[in-house]
């Protein structure tokens, strides 16, 4: 885990915007241990910094995902619904998935449900090795819709370690985004929101 996160941190060293490792790796950075195998590396950046990202990663070629297809990303500004970019290092062949995130007035805005927001200042945390990662409550919100076995594993690994206010935020966000989801009930059980 440490070598993967440090490698990504090195890739992003020229990028001056806010960013963090996302997905399952973010959960592992929060837990400070690798809990399961990971098939890809995802990085969350703010949409407003997309050109800065491309300039910082000049040794990479990028494709945007449009309606499920990978299409070369030129110089155009990417707007919603495009939110996913795949990068390949031109010499080493290493791969990186970049997820563009929306912000407005100091708040991160959930692209799937714009009524859900989170303080932008708390969106990224740092591991013990000072590698930034996306807040685990936000990661879990993304994972909730169409949750796979690995997403459930990530939820159960993290839920009891979240701060009370983060559990409450996730509980409310899940109710708005995926009413009736199993995790909503789990967040109010022992170790959940109402400790």
Protein backbone atom coordinates (compact mmCIF):
# COMPACT_ATOMS: atom_id res chain seq x y z
CA UNK A 1 0.00 0.00 0.00
CA UNK A 2 2.68 2.45 1.00
CA UNK A 3 4.63 2.01 -2.23
CA UNK A 4 1.49 2.54 -4.37
CA UNK A 5 0.45 5.68 -2.49
CA UNK A 6 3.97 7.11 -2.54
CA UNK A 7 4.20 6.38 -6.28
CA UNK A 8 0.98 8.32 -6.89
CA UNK A 9 2.24 11.13 -4.66
CA UNK A 10 5.37 11.32 -6.84
CA UNK A 11 3.27 11.40 -10.03
CA UNK A 12 1.25 14.29 -8.59
CA UNK A 13 4.26 16.23 -7.22
CA UNK A 14 4.09 18.92 -9.95
CA UNK A 15 0.35 19.41 -9.49
CA UNK A 16 -0.38 22.42 -7.28
CA UNK A 17 -4.12 21.89 -6.90
CA UNK A 18 -5.90 19.97 -4.18
CA UNK A 19 -6.15 16.26 -4.81
CA UNK A 20 -6.41 12.92 -3.05
CA UNK A 21 -6.30 9.22 -3.71
CA UNK A 22 -9.88 7.95 -4.07
CA UNK A 23 -11.75 4.64 -4.07
CA UNK A 24 -10.59 1.61 -2.12
CA UNK A 25 -7.05 2.94 -1.76
CA UNK A 26 -8.47 5.97 0.11
CA UNK A 27 -10.15 3.61 2.56
CA UNK A 28 -6.86 1.79 3.11
CA UNK A 29 -4.99 5.06 3.65
CA UNK A 30 -7.58 6.06 6.25
CA UNK A 31 -7.14 2.67 7.98
CA UNK A 32 -3.35 2.80 7.54
CA UNK A 33 -3.29 -0.75 6.16
CA UNK A 34 -4.07 -2.60 2.97
CA UNK A 35 -7.35 -4.44 3.50
CA UNK A 36 -7.89 -6.01 0.09
CA UNK A 37 -6.45 -6.17 -3.46
CA UNK A 38 -7.11 -3.17 -5.72
CA UNK A 39 -7.46 -3.31 -9.50
CA UNK A 40 -6.85 0.39 -10.23
CA UNK A 41 -5.62 3.68 -8.83
CA UNK A 42 -8.07 6.59 -8.68
CA UNK A 43 -7.30 10.19 -7.88
CA UNK A 44 -9.89 12.85 -7.10
CA UNK A 45 -9.22 16.43 -8.23
CA UNK A 46 -11.39 19.51 -8.41
CA UNK A 47 -12.87 20.12 -11.85
CA UNK A 48 -11.57 23.70 -11.80
CA UNK A 49 -7.98 22.33 -11.78
CA UNK A 50 -8.24 20.05 -14.82
CA UNK A 51 -5.90 22.11 -17.02
CA UNK A 52 -3.40 22.42 -14.19
CA UNK A 53 -3.51 18.63 -13.86
CA UNK A 54 -2.88 18.05 -17.55
CA UNK A 55 0.07 20.47 -17.50
CA UNK A 56 1.57 18.85 -14.38
CA UNK A 57 1.23 15.36 -15.89
CA UNK A 58 2.68 16.29 -19.27
CA UNK A 59 4.31 12.86 -19.61
CA UNK A 60 0.87 11.26 -19.63
CA UNK A 61 -1.71 10.83 -22.39
CA UNK A 62 -5.35 11.18 -21.36
CA UNK A 63 -8.72 9.92 -22.51
CA UNK A 64 -12.08 11.11 -21.24
CA UNK A 65 -15.00 8.76 -20.67
CA UNK A 66 -18.01 9.79 -22.77
CA UNK A 67 -21.09 7.57 -22.57
CA UNK A 68 -18.93 4.61 -21.52
CA UNK A 69 -16.34 5.06 -24.27
CA UNK A 70 -12.74 6.28 -23.97
CA UNK A 71 -12.10 9.24 -26.27
CA UNK A 72 -8.87 11.20 -26.56
CA UNK A 73 -8.87 14.35 -24.41
CA UNK A 74 -7.45 17.33 -26.29
CA UNK A 75 -7.46 20.89 -24.95
CA UNK A 76 -11.21 21.26 -24.45
CA UNK A 77 -12.64 22.11 -21.04
CA UNK A 78 -14.50 19.12 -19.59
CA UNK A 79 -17.99 19.81 -18.24
CA UNK A 80 -20.51 17.46 -16.66
CA UNK A 81 -21.55 14.80 -17.37
CA UNK A 82 -17.90 14.01 -18.15
CA UNK A 83 -16.19 13.33 -14.83
CA UNK A 84 -13.78 10.45 -15.48
CA UNK A 85 -10.38 10.63 -17.20
CA UNK A 86 -7.96 7.77 -17.81
CA UNK A 87 -4.24 8.50 -18.01
CA UNK A 88 -1.36 6.39 -19.28
CA UNK A 89 2.27 7.35 -18.69
CA UNK A 90 3.80 7.69 -22.16
CA UNK A 91 7.03 5.83 -21.30
CA UNK A 92 6.31 3.63 -18.28
CA UNK A 93 2.77 2.60 -19.31
CA UNK A 94 1.45 3.07 -15.77
CA UNK A 95 -2.25 3.86 -15.47
CA UNK A 96 -4.20 6.38 -13.43
CA UNK A 97 -7.91 7.14 -13.26
CA UNK A 98 -8.78 10.78 -12.48
CA UNK A 99 -12.20 11.73 -11.11
CA UNK A 100 -13.27 15.36 -11.51
CA UNK A 101 -15.17 16.74 -8.52
CA UNK A 102 -17.55 19.68 -8.38
CA UNK A 103 -17.22 22.57 -5.91
CA UNK A 104 -19.20 25.75 -5.32
CA UNK A 105 -18.96 28.41 -2.62
CA UNK A 106 -16.47 26.45 -0.49
CA UNK A 107 -18.43 23.20 -0.72
CA UNK A 108 -17.90 19.95 -2.56
CA UNK A 109 -21.08 19.11 -4.50
CA UNK A 110 -22.06 15.48 -5.12
CA UNK A 111 -22.48 15.23 -8.89
CA UNK A 112 -25.17 12.55 -8.64
CA UNK A 113 -27.36 14.57 -6.24
CA UNK A 114 -26.53 18.28 -6.10
CA UNK A 115 -28.43 18.79 -2.83
CA UNK A 116 -25.64 16.82 -1.08
CA UNK A 117 -22.56 18.83 -0.17
CA UNK A 118 -19.53 18.59 2.11
CA UNK A 119 -17.09 21.27 3.31
CA UNK A 120 -14.39 21.62 0.65
CA UNK A 121 -11.82 22.34 3.38
CA UNK A 122 -12.38 18.81 4.81
CA UNK A 123 -12.64 16.94 1.50
CA UNK A 124 -9.06 15.64 1.58
CA UNK A 125 -7.22 14.12 4.53
CA UNK A 126 -3.55 13.09 4.81
CA UNK A 127 -2.09 9.69 5.63
CA UNK A 128 0.73 9.17 8.11
CA UNK A 129 3.09 9.40 5.10
CA UNK A 130 1.48 12.76 4.17
CA UNK A 131 -0.24 11.33 1.08
CA UNK A 132 -3.62 13.04 0.49
CA UNK A 133 -6.77 10.97 0.14
CA UNK A 134 -10.47 11.62 -0.34
CA UNK A 135 -12.47 11.69 2.90
CA UNK A 136 -13.77 8.15 3.57
CA UNK A 137 -17.36 9.31 4.14
CA UNK A 138 -17.36 10.82 0.63
CA UNK A 139 -15.75 7.67 -0.78
CA UNK A 140 -18.50 5.56 0.81
CA UNK A 141 -21.20 7.80 -0.62
CA UNK A 142 -19.83 7.17 -4.12
CA UNK A 143 -19.64 3.43 -3.43
CA UNK A 144 -23.21 3.12 -2.09
CA UNK A 145 -25.07 3.05 -5.39
CA UNK A 146 -24.75 -0.41 -6.96
CA UNK A 147 -22.47 -1.50 -4.10
CA UNK A 148 -20.36 -4.59 -4.83
CA UNK A 149 -18.90 -7.00 -2.27
CA UNK A 150 -15.69 -4.96 -2.06
CA UNK A 151 -17.72 -1.80 -1.38
CA UNK A 152 -19.52 -3.50 1.50
CA UNK A 153 -16.13 -4.66 2.81
CA UNK A 154 -14.87 -1.07 2.69
CA UNK A 155 -17.97 0.23 4.48
CA UNK A 156 -17.75 -2.27 7.35
CA UNK A 157 -14.01 -1.63 7.72
CA UNK A 158 -14.56 2.13 8.14
CA UNK A 159 -18.01 2.81 9.61
CA UNK A 160 -17.06 2.47 13.28
CA UNK A 161 -13.95 4.62 12.84
CA UNK A 162 -15.69 7.66 11.38
CA UNK A 163 -16.26 10.65 13.63
CA UNK A 164 -19.83 11.05 14.84
CA UNK A 165 -20.41 14.10 12.62
CA UNK A 166 -19.14 12.18 9.56
CA UNK A 167 -21.45 9.25 10.33
CA UNK A 168 -24.35 11.68 10.65
CA UNK A 169 -23.42 13.36 7.36
CA UNK A 170 -23.12 9.99 5.57
CA UNK A 171 -26.41 8.79 7.07
CA UNK A 172 -28.24 11.88 5.80
CA UNK A 173 -26.50 11.77 2.40
CA UNK A 174 -27.37 8.10 1.90
CA UNK A 175 -31.02 8.80 2.77
CA UNK A 176 -31.10 11.45 0.05
CA UNK A 177 -29.11 9.49 -2.55
CA UNK A 178 -30.12 5.85 -2.03
CA UNK A 179 -33.17 5.70 0.31
CA UNK A 180 -33.55 2.30 1.95
CA UNK A 181 -29.88 1.35 1.51
CA UNK A 182 -28.60 -1.26 3.98
CA UNK A 183 -25.82 1.07 5.17
CA UNK A 184 -28.37 3.60 6.49
CA UNK A 185 -29.54 1.12 9.12
CA UNK A 186 -25.98 -0.03 9.82
CA UNK A 187 -24.93 3.52 10.63
CA UNK A 188 -27.46 3.72 13.49
CA UNK A 189 -26.61 0.34 15.03
CA UNK A 190 -24.09 -0.06 17.84
CA UNK A 191 -20.91 1.63 16.68
CA UNK A 192 -23.01 3.73 14.35
CA UNK A 193 -24.31 7.26 14.50
CA UNK A 194 -26.31 6.98 17.75
CA UNK A 195 -23.55 5.70 20.06
